[in-house]
Amino acid sequence: MNFGEKIKNAREDLDISQTEIAKLIPMNQSNYSKIERGVQEPNLLQLKRICEILKLDPAYLLDLKHSQSIGIKDAELLADIKALISKHK
């Protein structure tokens, strides 16, 4: 399952519309739809909000297994996301 499918499934499980989640992020609905369809990637703050709203672990969304070896850039991105989430709880 890819990133867009994961957030779409989580959003639908919580019975939240694309319009509702887009307002909470905040961003417009058409750009959010592009993220779910894999046409556009969210920026760091949008990814953080998606994780918060849908209660998803960034590592799950990014297909990073705790035992998996990841590159320095991915590790830094994951650390930044986790720090942002912790900071804004």
N, C-alpha and C. Protein backbone atom coordinates (compact mmCIF):
# COMPACT_ATOMS: atom_id res chain seq x y z
N MET A 1 0.85 -1.17 0.00
CA MET A 1 0.00 0.00 0.00
C MET A 1 0.90 1.24 0.00
N ASN A 2 0.59 2.20 -0.85
CA ASN A 2 1.42 3.40 -0.91
C ASN A 2 0.94 4.48 0.07
N PHE A 3 1.69 5.56 0.14
CA PHE A 3 1.41 6.65 1.08
C PHE A 3 -0.03 7.16 0.94
N GLY A 4 -0.42 7.48 -0.29
CA GLY A 4 -1.76 8.02 -0.52
C GLY A 4 -2.86 7.06 -0.11
N GLU A 5 -2.68 5.78 -0.41
CA GLU A 5 -3.68 4.78 -0.02
C GLU A 5 -3.79 4.68 1.50
N LYS A 6 -2.65 4.77 2.17
CA LYS A 6 -2.66 4.68 3.65
C LYS A 6 -3.43 5.83 4.27
N ILE A 7 -3.19 7.06 3.79
CA ILE A 7 -3.91 8.17 4.40
C ILE A 7 -5.38 8.17 3.98
N LYS A 8 -5.67 7.75 2.77
CA LYS A 8 -7.07 7.67 2.34
C LYS A 8 -7.82 6.66 3.20
N ASN A 9 -7.24 5.48 3.40
CA ASN A 9 -7.89 4.46 4.23
C ASN A 9 -8.10 4.95 5.67
N ALA A 10 -7.07 5.60 6.23
CA ALA A 10 -7.18 6.11 7.60
C ALA A 10 -8.25 7.20 7.68
N ARG A 11 -8.29 8.07 6.69
CA ARG A 11 -9.29 9.14 6.66
C ARG A 11 -10.69 8.56 6.57
N GLU A 12 -10.87 7.58 5.69
CA GLU A 12 -12.19 6.96 5.53
C GLU A 12 -12.58 6.18 6.78
N ASP A 13 -11.61 5.54 7.44
CA ASP A 13 -11.90 4.81 8.69
C ASP A 13 -12.43 5.76 9.77
N LEU A 14 -11.94 7.01 9.75
CA LEU A 14 -12.38 8.00 10.72
C LEU A 14 -13.60 8.79 10.23
N ASP A 15 -14.09 8.43 9.04
CA ASP A 15 -15.26 9.07 8.43
C ASP A 15 -15.08 10.58 8.31
N ILE A 16 -13.91 10.98 7.79
CA ILE A 16 -13.59 12.38 7.57
C ILE A 16 -13.53 12.60 6.06
N SER A 17 -14.16 13.65 5.58
CA SER A 17 -14.11 13.94 4.14
C SER A 17 -12.79 14.61 3.78
N GLN A 18 -12.48 14.61 2.50
CA GLN A 18 -11.27 15.31 2.04
C GLN A 18 -11.36 16.80 2.37
N THR A 19 -12.53 17.36 2.23
CA THR A 19 -12.72 18.79 2.52
C THR A 19 -12.45 19.07 3.99
N GLU A 20 -12.95 18.21 4.88
CA GLU A 20 -12.75 18.40 6.31
C GLU A 20 -11.27 18.31 6.70
N ILE A 21 -10.58 17.29 6.21
CA ILE A 21 -9.17 17.13 6.58
C ILE A 21 -8.33 18.26 5.96
N ALA A 22 -8.67 18.67 4.76
CA ALA A 22 -7.94 19.77 4.12
C ALA A 22 -8.04 21.04 4.96
N LYS A 23 -9.21 21.31 5.51
CA LYS A 23 -9.39 22.49 6.37
C LYS A 23 -8.57 22.38 7.64
N LEU A 24 -8.45 21.16 8.19
CA LEU A 24 -7.69 20.96 9.43
C LEU A 24 -6.18 21.06 9.21
N ILE A 25 -5.70 20.81 8.00
CA ILE A 25 -4.24 20.76 7.76
C ILE A 25 -3.57 22.13 7.91
N PRO A 26 -3.89 23.24 7.41
CA PRO A 26 -4.85 23.63 6.39
C PRO A 26 -4.22 23.65 4.99
N MET A 27 -5.06 23.28 4.02
CA MET A 27 -4.71 23.35 2.60
C MET A 27 -6.00 23.22 1.82
N ASN A 28 -5.94 23.46 0.52
CA ASN A 28 -7.19 23.31 -0.23
C ASN A 28 -7.43 21.84 -0.56
N GLN A 29 -8.69 21.52 -0.76
CA GLN A 29 -9.11 20.13 -0.97
C GLN A 29 -8.48 19.53 -2.21
N SER A 30 -8.33 20.31 -3.27
CA SER A 30 -7.78 19.73 -4.50
C SER A 30 -6.32 19.31 -4.32
N ASN A 31 -5.55 20.07 -3.55
CA ASN A 31 -4.16 19.67 -3.29
C ASN A 31 -4.11 18.46 -2.37
N TYR A 32 -5.01 18.39 -1.39
CA TYR A 32 -5.06 17.21 -0.54
C TYR A 32 -5.39 15.97 -1.38
N SER A 33 -6.34 16.11 -2.30
CA SER A 33 -6.71 15.01 -3.17
C SER A 33 -5.50 14.52 -3.98
N LYS A 34 -4.66 15.46 -4.41
CA LYS A 34 -3.45 15.09 -5.16
C LYS A 34 -2.50 14.26 -4.30
N ILE A 35 -2.45 14.55 -3.01
CA ILE A 35 -1.60 13.77 -2.09
C ILE A 35 -2.13 12.34 -2.01
N GLU A 36 -3.43 12.18 -1.84
CA GLU A 36 -4.01 10.84 -1.76
C GLU A 36 -3.81 10.07 -3.06
N ARG A 37 -3.81 10.77 -4.19
CA ARG A 37 -3.65 10.11 -5.48
C ARG A 37 -2.19 9.91 -5.86
N GLY A 38 -1.27 10.42 -5.06
CA GLY A 38 0.15 10.25 -5.33
C GLY A 38 0.70 11.20 -6.38
N VAL A 39 -0.05 12.25 -6.69
CA VAL A 39 0.37 13.23 -7.68
C VAL A 39 1.27 14.29 -7.05
N GLN A 40 1.06 14.55 -5.77
CA GLN A 40 1.78 15.58 -5.04
C GLN A 40 2.22 15.02 -3.70
N GLU A 41 3.37 15.46 -3.20
CA GLU A 41 3.84 15.06 -1.88
C GLU A 41 3.57 16.19 -0.90
N PRO A 42 3.21 15.85 0.34
CA PRO A 42 3.00 16.92 1.32
C PRO A 42 4.34 17.49 1.77
N ASN A 43 4.32 18.77 2.19
CA ASN A 43 5.52 19.30 2.79
C ASN A 43 5.60 18.79 4.23
N LEU A 44 6.65 19.13 4.93
CA LEU A 44 6.88 18.61 6.27
C LEU A 44 5.75 18.96 7.24
N LEU A 45 5.30 20.20 7.22
CA LEU A 45 4.22 20.60 8.13
C LEU A 45 2.90 19.92 7.77
N GLN A 46 2.64 19.76 6.49
CA GLN A 46 1.42 19.06 6.08
C GLN A 46 1.47 17.60 6.50
N LEU A 47 2.64 16.98 6.36
CA LEU A 47 2.80 15.59 6.79
C LEU A 47 2.57 15.46 8.29
N LYS A 48 3.11 16.40 9.04
CA LYS A 48 2.91 16.41 10.50
C LYS A 48 1.43 16.49 10.85
N ARG A 49 0.71 17.41 10.20
CA ARG A 49 -0.72 17.57 10.49
C ARG A 49 -1.51 16.32 10.08
N ILE A 50 -1.16 15.72 8.95
CA ILE A 50 -1.84 14.50 8.51
C ILE A 50 -1.66 13.41 9.57
N CYS A 51 -0.43 13.26 10.06
CA CYS A 51 -0.16 12.26 11.10
C CYS A 51 -0.95 12.54 12.37
N GLU A 52 -1.01 13.80 12.77
CA GLU A 52 -1.75 14.17 13.98
C GLU A 52 -3.24 13.91 13.81
N ILE A 53 -3.81 14.39 12.73
CA ILE A 53 -5.25 14.28 12.50
C ILE A 53 -5.69 12.82 12.37
N LEU A 54 -4.92 12.05 11.62
CA LEU A 54 -5.29 10.65 11.37
C LEU A 54 -4.69 9.68 12.38
N LYS A 55 -3.92 10.23 13.33
CA LYS A 55 -3.29 9.43 14.38
C LYS A 55 -2.44 8.30 13.78
N LEU A 56 -1.57 8.69 12.85
CA LEU A 56 -0.71 7.74 12.17
C LEU A 56 0.76 8.00 12.50
N ASP A 57 1.53 6.94 12.58
CA ASP A 57 2.96 7.03 12.80
C ASP A 57 3.64 7.39 11.48
N PRO A 58 4.47 8.45 11.48
CA PRO A 58 5.16 8.82 10.24
C PRO A 58 5.98 7.67 9.66
N ALA A 59 6.55 6.84 10.50
CA ALA A 59 7.34 5.70 10.01
C ALA A 59 6.46 4.74 9.20
N TYR A 60 5.22 4.55 9.63
CA TYR A 60 4.28 3.70 8.89
C TYR A 60 3.97 4.32 7.52
N LEU A 61 3.69 5.61 7.51
CA LEU A 61 3.36 6.28 6.25
C LEU A 61 4.52 6.26 5.27
N LEU A 62 5.73 6.38 5.80
CA LEU A 62 6.91 6.46 4.94
C LEU A 62 7.54 5.09 4.70
N ASP A 63 6.87 4.03 5.14
CA ASP A 63 7.36 2.66 4.98
C ASP A 63 8.73 2.44 5.60
N LEU A 64 8.95 3.03 6.76
CA LEU A 64 10.22 2.87 7.47
C LEU A 64 10.01 1.90 8.62
N LYS A 65 10.67 0.77 8.52
CA LYS A 65 10.59 -0.21 9.60
C LYS A 65 11.67 0.11 10.61
N HIS A 66 11.39 -0.11 11.88
CA HIS A 66 12.36 0.22 12.92
C HIS A 66 13.66 -0.57 12.75
N SER A 67 13.58 -1.75 12.18
CA SER A 67 14.78 -2.55 12.00
C SER A 67 15.45 -2.29 10.65
N GLN A 68 14.76 -1.53 9.82
CA GLN A 68 15.27 -1.26 8.48
C GLN A 68 16.35 -0.17 8.53
N SER A 69 17.39 -0.36 7.79
CA SER A 69 18.43 0.65 7.68
C SER A 69 17.95 1.71 6.69
N ILE A 70 17.99 2.97 7.12
CA ILE A 70 17.55 4.06 6.26
C ILE A 70 18.69 5.03 6.05
N GLY A 71 18.58 5.80 5.01
CA GLY A 71 19.60 6.79 4.69
C GLY A 71 19.58 7.95 5.67
N ILE A 72 20.63 8.71 5.66
CA ILE A 72 20.75 9.86 6.57
C ILE A 72 19.63 10.86 6.34
N LYS A 73 19.30 11.16 5.09
CA LYS A 73 18.24 12.12 4.78
C LYS A 73 16.90 11.65 5.33
N ASP A 74 16.58 10.36 5.14
CA ASP A 74 15.32 9.83 5.66
C ASP A 74 15.31 9.86 7.18
N ALA A 75 16.42 9.53 7.81
CA ALA A 75 16.51 9.55 9.27
C ALA A 75 16.32 10.97 9.79
N GLU A 76 16.92 11.94 9.12
CA GLU A 76 16.76 13.33 9.54
C GLU A 76 15.32 13.79 9.37
N LEU A 77 14.69 13.42 8.26
CA LEU A 77 13.30 13.78 8.02
C LEU A 77 12.40 13.17 9.08
N LEU A 78 12.60 11.91 9.38
CA LEU A 78 11.80 11.23 10.39
C LEU A 78 11.99 11.89 11.76
N ALA A 79 13.22 12.23 12.11
CA ALA A 79 13.50 12.90 13.39
C ALA A 79 12.81 14.26 13.44
N ASP A 80 12.86 15.01 12.34
CA ASP A 80 12.20 16.32 12.27
C ASP A 80 10.70 16.19 12.46
N ILE A 81 10.10 15.19 11.80
CA ILE A 81 8.65 14.98 11.91
C ILE A 81 8.28 14.63 13.35
N LYS A 82 9.01 13.70 13.95
CA LYS A 82 8.72 13.30 15.33
C LYS A 82 8.90 14.47 16.29
N ALA A 83 9.92 15.31 16.07
CA ALA A 83 10.14 16.47 16.93
C ALA A 83 8.99 17.47 16.79
N LEU A 84 8.53 17.70 15.56
CA LEU A 84 7.42 18.61 15.36
C LEU A 84 6.15 18.10 16.03
N ILE A 85 5.91 16.81 15.90
CA ILE A 85 4.71 16.23 16.52
C ILE A 85 4.78 16.36 18.03
N SER A 86 5.92 16.06 18.61
CA SER A 86 6.09 16.16 20.07
C SER A 86 5.95 17.60 20.54
N LYS A 87 6.50 18.52 19.78
CA LYS A 87 6.50 19.93 20.15
C LYS A 87 5.08 20.51 20.18
N HIS A 88 4.22 20.01 19.31
CA HIS A 88 2.89 20.58 19.18
C HIS A 88 1.79 19.76 19.82
N LYS A 89 2.14 18.85 20.69
CA LYS A 89 1.11 18.04 21.38
C LYS A 89 0.57 18.78 22.55
